[in-house]
């Protein structure tokens, strides 16, 4: 069971297949770009910050599971409001370099302040970062709150379902791999509070960030 992170991601794949199947060609492109970007960021962060949990990785020098988590979730979530509300994604892409740099700086500042200055566990910085970026993207795009709620709902649904499936197979997940002193004891539907918070913030961040960064027109 030590590689629970790797085999647990298999249960996310059906959601990904559904999202790709129901999406248009342009939305699939959006899913791939968002997934790769978040996957790379997830790998970088997992190599720098520790203290939240201790999964066993298939490859120590490259955390493939973190990349796959980012690729699968950040690929699924941006597509959900397109699927459920039949939103048409336009074809023109123009990378906003200044905004991309600004988002990167926001991530660095949030992590520096929370982790190094205030000594707060990095999982909360990991939650706050997509939340801030998601709100800024929402404001730039002048988005629809319903889209955000749909994305957040899908993020929570997939997270809770997959987490509980893993717990059925591997009941010792939480006790053996989460660092108790750095994680609250609050559980909702057997899922740690921090996982809920991250799923919510990831949903907010995933909804409109792609459109904002690429000036989708």
C-alpha atoms as a PDB file:
ATOM      1  CA  UNK A   1       0.000   0.000   0.000  1.00  0.00           C
ATOM      2  CA  UNK A   2       3.001   2.320   0.185  1.00  0.00           C
ATOM      3  CA  UNK A   3       2.383   3.605  -3.355  1.00  0.00           C
ATOM      4  CA  UNK A   4      -1.205   4.610  -2.594  1.00  0.00           C
ATOM      5  CA  UNK A   5      -0.648   8.036  -4.188  1.00  0.00           C
ATOM      6  CA  UNK A   6       0.177   6.447  -7.541  1.00  0.00           C
ATOM      7  CA  UNK A   7      -2.628   3.886  -7.723  1.00  0.00           C
ATOM      8  CA  UNK A   8      -5.108   6.276  -6.089  1.00  0.00           C
ATOM      9  CA  UNK A   9      -4.796   8.599  -9.077  1.00  0.00           C
ATOM     10  CA  UNK A  10      -6.193   5.829 -11.282  1.00  0.00           C
ATOM     11  CA  UNK A  11      -9.617   6.621  -9.818  1.00  0.00           C
ATOM     12  CA  UNK A  12      -9.379  10.185 -11.167  1.00  0.00           C
ATOM     13  CA  UNK A  13      -8.849   8.994 -14.736  1.00  0.00           C
ATOM     14  CA  UNK A  14     -12.548   8.162 -15.437  1.00  0.00           C
ATOM     15  CA  UNK A  15     -13.471  11.778 -14.624  1.00  0.00           C
ATOM     16  CA  UNK A  16     -10.722  12.968 -16.967  1.00  0.00           C
ATOM     17  CA  UNK A  17     -11.896  10.687 -19.771  1.00  0.00           C
ATOM     18  CA  UNK A  18     -15.441  12.001 -19.338  1.00  0.00           C
ATOM     19  CA  UNK A  19     -14.238  15.612 -19.438  1.00  0.00           C
ATOM     20  CA  UNK A  20     -12.215  15.045 -22.623  1.00  0.00           C
ATOM     21  CA  UNK A  21     -15.055  13.102 -24.241  1.00  0.00           C
ATOM     22  CA  UNK A  22     -17.636  15.844 -23.582  1.00  0.00           C
ATOM     23  CA  UNK A  23     -15.348  18.733 -24.533  1.00  0.00           C
ATOM     24  CA  UNK A  24     -14.688  20.443 -27.834  1.00  0.00           C
ATOM     25  CA  UNK A  25     -11.260  20.517 -29.485  1.00  0.00           C
ATOM     26  CA  UNK A  26     -10.536  23.997 -28.094  1.00  0.00           C
ATOM     27  CA  UNK A  27     -11.535  23.016 -24.568  1.00  0.00           C
ATOM     28  CA  UNK A  28      -9.301  19.942 -24.762  1.00  0.00           C
ATOM     29  CA  UNK A  29      -6.417  22.210 -25.705  1.00  0.00           C
ATOM     30  CA  UNK A  30      -7.262  24.349 -22.696  1.00  0.00           C
ATOM     31  CA  UNK A  31      -7.301  21.247 -20.464  1.00  0.00           C
ATOM     32  CA  UNK A  32      -3.882  20.093 -21.666  1.00  0.00           C
ATOM     33  CA  UNK A  33      -2.234  23.508 -21.250  1.00  0.00           C
ATOM     34  CA  UNK A  34      -3.727  24.042 -17.790  1.00  0.00           C
ATOM     35  CA  UNK A  35      -2.856  20.492 -16.744  1.00  0.00           C
ATOM     36  CA  UNK A  36       0.778  20.694 -17.819  1.00  0.00           C
ATOM     37  CA  UNK A  37       1.242  24.076 -16.153  1.00  0.00           C
ATOM     38  CA  UNK A  38      -0.241  23.026 -12.836  1.00  0.00           C
ATOM     39  CA  UNK A  39       1.531  19.668 -12.996  1.00  0.00           C
ATOM     40  CA  UNK A  40       4.950  21.302 -13.296  1.00  0.00           C
ATOM     41  CA  UNK A  41       4.183  23.727 -10.461  1.00  0.00           C
ATOM     42  CA  UNK A  42       3.020  20.807  -8.283  1.00  0.00           C
ATOM     43  CA  UNK A  43       6.307  18.964  -8.809  1.00  0.00           C
ATOM     44  CA  UNK A  44       8.397  22.035  -7.987  1.00  0.00           C
ATOM     45  CA  UNK A  45       6.434  22.765  -4.814  1.00  0.00           C
ATOM     46  CA  UNK A  46       6.549  19.148  -3.623  1.00  0.00           C
ATOM     47  CA  UNK A  47      10.361  19.150  -3.857  1.00  0.00           C
ATOM     48  CA  UNK A  48      10.718  22.387  -1.893  1.00  0.00           C
ATOM     49  CA  UNK A  49       8.066  22.142   0.817  1.00  0.00           C
ATOM     50  CA  UNK A  50       7.355  19.307   3.221  1.00  0.00           C
ATOM     51  CA  UNK A  51       5.536  18.971   6.531  1.00  0.00           C
ATOM     52  CA  UNK A  52       1.987  18.166   5.450  1.00  0.00           C
ATOM     53  CA  UNK A  53       2.100  14.522   4.461  1.00  0.00           C
ATOM     54  CA  UNK A  54       4.639  11.881   3.476  1.00  0.00           C
ATOM     55  CA  UNK A  55       3.550   9.782   0.493  1.00  0.00           C
ATOM     56  CA  UNK A  56       5.899   7.234  -1.057  1.00  0.00           C
ATOM     57  CA  UNK A  57       6.778   8.271  -4.595  1.00  0.00           C
ATOM     58  CA  UNK A  58       7.538   5.912  -7.459  1.00  0.00           C
ATOM     59  CA  UNK A  59      10.481   8.132  -8.433  1.00  0.00           C
ATOM     60  CA  UNK A  60      12.212  10.150  -5.718  1.00  0.00           C
ATOM     61  CA  UNK A  61      13.996  12.578  -8.040  1.00  0.00           C
ATOM     62  CA  UNK A  62      10.828  13.452  -9.974  1.00  0.00           C
ATOM     63  CA  UNK A  63       7.491  13.288  -8.194  1.00  0.00           C
ATOM     64  CA  UNK A  64       5.485  11.864 -11.064  1.00  0.00           C
ATOM     65  CA  UNK A  65       2.385  11.541  -8.889  1.00  0.00           C
ATOM     66  CA  UNK A  66       2.329  15.285  -8.177  1.00  0.00           C
ATOM     67  CA  UNK A  67       2.614  16.032 -11.883  1.00  0.00           C
ATOM     68  CA  UNK A  68      -0.227  13.617 -12.669  1.00  0.00           C
ATOM     69  CA  UNK A  69      -2.384  15.073  -9.882  1.00  0.00           C
ATOM     70  CA  UNK A  70      -1.872  18.561 -11.288  1.00  0.00           C
ATOM     71  CA  UNK A  71      -2.376  17.429 -14.865  1.00  0.00           C
ATOM     72  CA  UNK A  72      -5.548  15.447 -14.141  1.00  0.00           C
ATOM     73  CA  UNK A  73      -7.280  17.897 -11.785  1.00  0.00           C
ATOM     74  CA  UNK A  74      -6.235  21.117 -13.509  1.00  0.00           C
ATOM     75  CA  UNK A  75      -7.287  19.494 -16.770  1.00  0.00           C
ATOM     76  CA  UNK A  76     -10.701  18.379 -15.540  1.00  0.00           C
ATOM     77  CA  UNK A  77     -11.749  21.463 -13.611  1.00  0.00           C
ATOM     78  CA  UNK A  78     -11.445  24.194 -16.284  1.00  0.00           C
ATOM     79  CA  UNK A  79     -13.613  22.073 -18.565  1.00  0.00           C
ATOM     80  CA  UNK A  80     -16.468  21.524 -16.125  1.00  0.00           C
ATOM     81  CA  UNK A  81     -18.272  24.839 -16.499  1.00  0.00           C
ATOM     82  CA  UNK A  82     -17.816  24.544 -20.280  1.00  0.00           C
ATOM     83  CA  UNK A  83     -19.505  21.134 -20.159  1.00  0.00           C
ATOM     84  CA  UNK A  84     -22.338  21.864 -17.737  1.00  0.00           C
ATOM     85  CA  UNK A  85     -23.179  25.332 -19.061  1.00  0.00           C
ATOM     86  CA  UNK A  86     -22.256  24.686 -22.705  1.00  0.00           C
ATOM     87  CA  UNK A  87     -19.820  27.608 -22.728  1.00  0.00           C
ATOM     88  CA  UNK A  88     -18.129  28.200 -26.065  1.00  0.00           C
ATOM     89  CA  UNK A  89     -14.368  28.641 -25.822  1.00  0.00           C
ATOM     90  CA  UNK A  90     -13.057  30.970 -28.504  1.00  0.00           C
ATOM     91  CA  UNK A  91      -9.955  30.173 -30.496  1.00  0.00           C
ATOM     92  CA  UNK A  92      -7.682  33.193 -30.208  1.00  0.00           C
ATOM     93  CA  UNK A  93      -4.883  32.764 -27.641  1.00  0.00           C
ATOM     94  CA  UNK A  94      -2.540  35.596 -26.692  1.00  0.00           C
ATOM     95  CA  UNK A  95      -0.284  34.978 -23.683  1.00  0.00           C
ATOM     96  CA  UNK A  96      -0.352  37.829 -21.165  1.00  0.00           C
ATOM     97  CA  UNK A  97       3.308  37.741 -20.125  1.00  0.00           C
ATOM     98  CA  UNK A  98       2.975  40.460 -17.486  1.00  0.00           C
ATOM     99  CA  UNK A  99       0.058  38.725 -15.776  1.00  0.00           C
ATOM    100  CA  UNK A 100       1.862  35.378 -15.887  1.00  0.00           C
ATOM    101  CA  UNK A 101       4.883  36.931 -14.170  1.00  0.00           C
ATOM    102  CA  UNK A 102       2.597  38.662 -11.658  1.00  0.00           C
ATOM    103  CA  UNK A 103       0.926  35.349 -10.786  1.00  0.00           C
ATOM    104  CA  UNK A 104       4.311  33.703 -10.356  1.00  0.00           C
ATOM    105  CA  UNK A 105       5.450  36.513  -8.038  1.00  0.00           C
ATOM    106  CA  UNK A 106       2.225  36.218  -6.036  1.00  0.00           C
ATOM    107  CA  UNK A 107       2.922  32.535  -5.538  1.00  0.00           C
ATOM    108  CA  UNK A 108       6.484  33.216  -4.355  1.00  0.00           C
ATOM    109  CA  UNK A 109       5.416  36.015  -1.994  1.00  0.00           C
ATOM    110  CA  UNK A 110       2.576  33.992  -0.459  1.00  0.00           C
ATOM    111  CA  UNK A 111       4.813  30.999   0.154  1.00  0.00           C
ATOM    112  CA  UNK A 112       7.660  33.130   1.520  1.00  0.00           C
ATOM    113  CA  UNK A 113       5.440  35.046   3.939  1.00  0.00           C
ATOM    114  CA  UNK A 114       3.391  32.105   5.187  1.00  0.00           C
ATOM    115  CA  UNK A 115       6.014  29.360   5.261  1.00  0.00           C
ATOM    116  CA  UNK A 116       9.250  31.163   6.064  1.00  0.00           C
ATOM    117  CA  UNK A 117       8.175  34.319   7.862  1.00  0.00           C
ATOM    118  CA  UNK A 118       5.064  33.202   9.751  1.00  0.00           C
ATOM    119  CA  UNK A 119       6.010  29.473   9.919  1.00  0.00           C
ATOM    120  CA  UNK A 120       2.560  28.363   8.738  1.00  0.00           C
ATOM    121  CA  UNK A 121       2.276  24.903   7.217  1.00  0.00           C
ATOM    122  CA  UNK A 122       2.672  25.088   3.468  1.00  0.00           C
ATOM    123  CA  UNK A 123      -0.686  23.427   2.753  1.00  0.00           C
ATOM    124  CA  UNK A 124      -2.397  26.705   3.706  1.00  0.00           C
ATOM    125  CA  UNK A 125      -0.132  28.641   1.337  1.00  0.00           C
ATOM    126  CA  UNK A 126      -0.977  26.028  -1.270  1.00  0.00           C
ATOM    127  CA  UNK A 127      -4.652  26.829  -0.676  1.00  0.00           C
ATOM    128  CA  UNK A 128      -4.302  30.614  -0.589  1.00  0.00           C
ATOM    129  CA  UNK A 129      -2.292  30.875  -3.811  1.00  0.00           C
ATOM    130  CA  UNK A 130      -4.907  29.478  -6.265  1.00  0.00           C
ATOM    131  CA  UNK A 131      -7.623  31.316  -4.327  1.00  0.00           C
ATOM    132  CA  UNK A 132      -5.934  34.701  -4.868  1.00  0.00           C
ATOM    133  CA  UNK A 133      -5.068  33.940  -8.488  1.00  0.00           C
ATOM    134  CA  UNK A 134      -8.588  32.663  -9.121  1.00  0.00           C
ATOM    135  CA  UNK A 135     -10.175  35.816  -7.704  1.00  0.00           C
ATOM    136  CA  UNK A 136      -7.879  38.067  -9.766  1.00  0.00           C
ATOM    137  CA  UNK A 137      -8.667  36.045 -12.904  1.00  0.00           C
ATOM    138  CA  UNK A 138     -12.387  36.245 -12.157  1.00  0.00           C
ATOM    139  CA  UNK A 139     -12.134  40.024 -11.884  1.00  0.00           C
ATOM    140  CA  UNK A 140     -10.150  40.362 -15.117  1.00  0.00           C
ATOM    141  CA  UNK A 141     -12.482  38.113 -17.113  1.00  0.00           C
ATOM    142  CA  UNK A 142     -15.572  39.541 -15.381  1.00  0.00           C
ATOM    143  CA  UNK A 143     -16.620  35.976 -14.836  1.00  0.00           C
ATOM    144  CA  UNK A 144     -19.835  34.329 -13.785  1.00  0.00           C
ATOM    145  CA  UNK A 145     -20.118  33.155 -10.177  1.00  0.00           C
ATOM    146  CA  UNK A 146     -22.114  30.128 -11.327  1.00  0.00           C
ATOM    147  CA  UNK A 147     -19.078  28.920 -13.275  1.00  0.00           C
ATOM    148  CA  UNK A 148     -16.918  29.158 -10.161  1.00  0.00           C
ATOM    149  CA  UNK A 149     -19.468  27.321  -8.022  1.00  0.00           C
ATOM    150  CA  UNK A 150     -19.759  24.550 -10.620  1.00  0.00           C
ATOM    151  CA  UNK A 151     -15.982  24.136 -10.748  1.00  0.00           C
ATOM    152  CA  UNK A 152     -15.664  24.141  -6.958  1.00  0.00           C
ATOM    153  CA  UNK A 153     -18.504  21.632  -6.668  1.00  0.00           C
ATOM    154  CA  UNK A 154     -16.830  19.306  -9.182  1.00  0.00           C
ATOM    155  CA  UNK A 155     -13.492  19.646  -7.413  1.00  0.00           C
ATOM    156  CA  UNK A 156     -15.060  18.710  -4.071  1.00  0.00           C
ATOM    157  CA  UNK A 157     -17.104  15.868  -5.550  1.00  0.00           C
ATOM    158  CA  UNK A 158     -14.129  14.221  -7.252  1.00  0.00           C
ATOM    159  CA  UNK A 159     -11.864  14.749  -4.233  1.00  0.00           C
ATOM    160  CA  UNK A 160     -14.304  13.262  -1.703  1.00  0.00           C
ATOM    161  CA  UNK A 161     -15.240  10.310  -3.926  1.00  0.00           C
ATOM    162  CA  UNK A 162     -11.639   9.391  -4.809  1.00  0.00           C
ATOM    163  CA  UNK A 163     -10.376   9.930  -1.254  1.00  0.00           C
ATOM    164  CA  UNK A 164     -13.046   7.645   0.192  1.00  0.00           C
ATOM    165  CA  UNK A 165     -12.371   4.958  -2.421  1.00  0.00           C
ATOM    166  CA  UNK A 166      -8.711   4.998  -1.414  1.00  0.00           C
ATOM    167  CA  UNK A 167      -9.696   4.787   2.268  1.00  0.00           C
ATOM    168  CA  UNK A 168     -11.813   1.710   1.558  1.00  0.00           C
ATOM    169  CA  UNK A 169      -8.755   0.000   0.109  1.00  0.00           C
ATOM    170  CA  UNK A 170      -6.185   1.536   2.459  1.00  0.00           C
ATOM    171  CA  UNK A 171      -7.817   2.595   5.779  1.00  0.00           C
ATOM    172  CA  UNK A 172      -4.457   3.639   7.261  1.00  0.00           C
ATOM    173  CA  UNK A 173      -3.881   6.448   4.767  1.00  0.00           C
ATOM    174  CA  UNK A 174      -4.600   9.399   7.065  1.00  0.00           C
ATOM    175  CA  UNK A 175      -2.928   8.008  10.204  1.00  0.00           C
ATOM    176  CA  UNK A 176       0.219   6.762   8.480  1.00  0.00           C
ATOM    177  CA  UNK A 177       0.945   9.439   5.889  1.00  0.00           C
ATOM    178  CA  UNK A 178      -0.349  12.745   7.247  1.00  0.00           C
ATOM    179  CA  UNK A 179       1.929  14.513   9.725  1.00  0.00           C
ATOM    180  CA  UNK A 180      -0.416  14.754  12.687  1.00  0.00           C
ATOM    181  CA  UNK A 181       1.069  17.804  14.404  1.00  0.00           C
ATOM    182  CA  UNK A 182       0.740  19.854  11.227  1.00  0.00           C
ATOM    183  CA  UNK A 183      -2.780  18.791  10.249  1.00  0.00           C
ATOM    184  CA  UNK A 184      -6.050  19.502  12.045  1.00  0.00           C
ATOM    185  CA  UNK A 185      -8.061  16.588  13.403  1.00  0.00           C
ATOM    186  CA  UNK A 186     -11.240  17.783  11.677  1.00  0.00           C
ATOM    187  CA  UNK A 187     -12.691  15.277   9.206  1.00  0.00           C
ATOM    188  CA  UNK A 188     -15.696  15.834   6.945  1.00  0.00           C
ATOM    189  CA  UNK A 189     -16.980  12.685   5.232  1.00  0.00           C
ATOM    190  CA  UNK A 190     -13.686  11.102   6.344  1.00  0.00           C
ATOM    191  CA  UNK A 191     -11.665  13.703   4.433  1.00  0.00           C
ATOM    192  CA  UNK A 192      -9.252  16.019   6.340  1.00  0.00           C
ATOM    193  CA  UNK A 193     -10.281  19.672   6.508  1.00  0.00           C
ATOM    194  CA  UNK A 194      -7.113  20.738   4.673  1.00  0.00           C
ATOM    195  CA  UNK A 195      -8.010  18.539   1.712  1.00  0.00           C
ATOM    196  CA  UNK A 196     -11.444  20.184   1.557  1.00  0.00           C
ATOM    197  CA  UNK A 197      -9.874  23.643   1.667  1.00  0.00           C
ATOM    198  CA  UNK A 198      -7.420  22.803  -1.088  1.00  0.00           C
ATOM    199  CA  UNK A 199     -10.161  21.320  -3.299  1.00  0.00           C
ATOM    200  CA  UNK A 200     -12.243  24.499  -2.898  1.00  0.00           C
ATOM    201  CA  UNK A 201      -9.343  26.861  -3.605  1.00  0.00           C
ATOM    202  CA  UNK A 202      -8.138  24.773  -6.534  1.00  0.00           C
ATOM    203  CA  UNK A 203     -11.638  24.962  -8.009  1.00  0.00           C
ATOM    204  CA  UNK A 204     -11.652  28.758  -7.695  1.00  0.00           C
ATOM    205  CA  UNK A 205      -8.188  29.007  -9.234  1.00  0.00           C
ATOM    206  CA  UNK A 206      -8.935  26.648 -12.103  1.00  0.00           C
ATOM    207  CA  UNK A 207     -12.108  28.303 -13.363  1.00  0.00           C
ATOM    208  CA  UNK A 208     -10.846  31.408 -15.173  1.00  0.00           C
ATOM    209  CA  UNK A 209      -7.052  31.485 -14.830  1.00  0.00           C
ATOM    210  CA  UNK A 210      -6.533  29.986 -18.276  1.00  0.00           C
ATOM    211  CA  UNK A 211      -8.716  32.630 -19.935  1.00  0.00           C
ATOM    212  CA  UNK A 212      -7.010  35.418 -17.981  1.00  0.00           C
ATOM    213  CA  UNK A 213      -3.440  34.319 -18.699  1.00  0.00           C
ATOM    214  CA  UNK A 214      -4.064  33.631 -22.388  1.00  0.00           C
ATOM    215  CA  UNK A 215      -6.357  36.608 -23.055  1.00  0.00           C
ATOM    216  CA  UNK A 216      -8.852  34.252 -24.667  1.00  0.00           C
ATOM    217  CA  UNK A 217     -10.863  36.316 -27.125  1.00  0.00           C
END
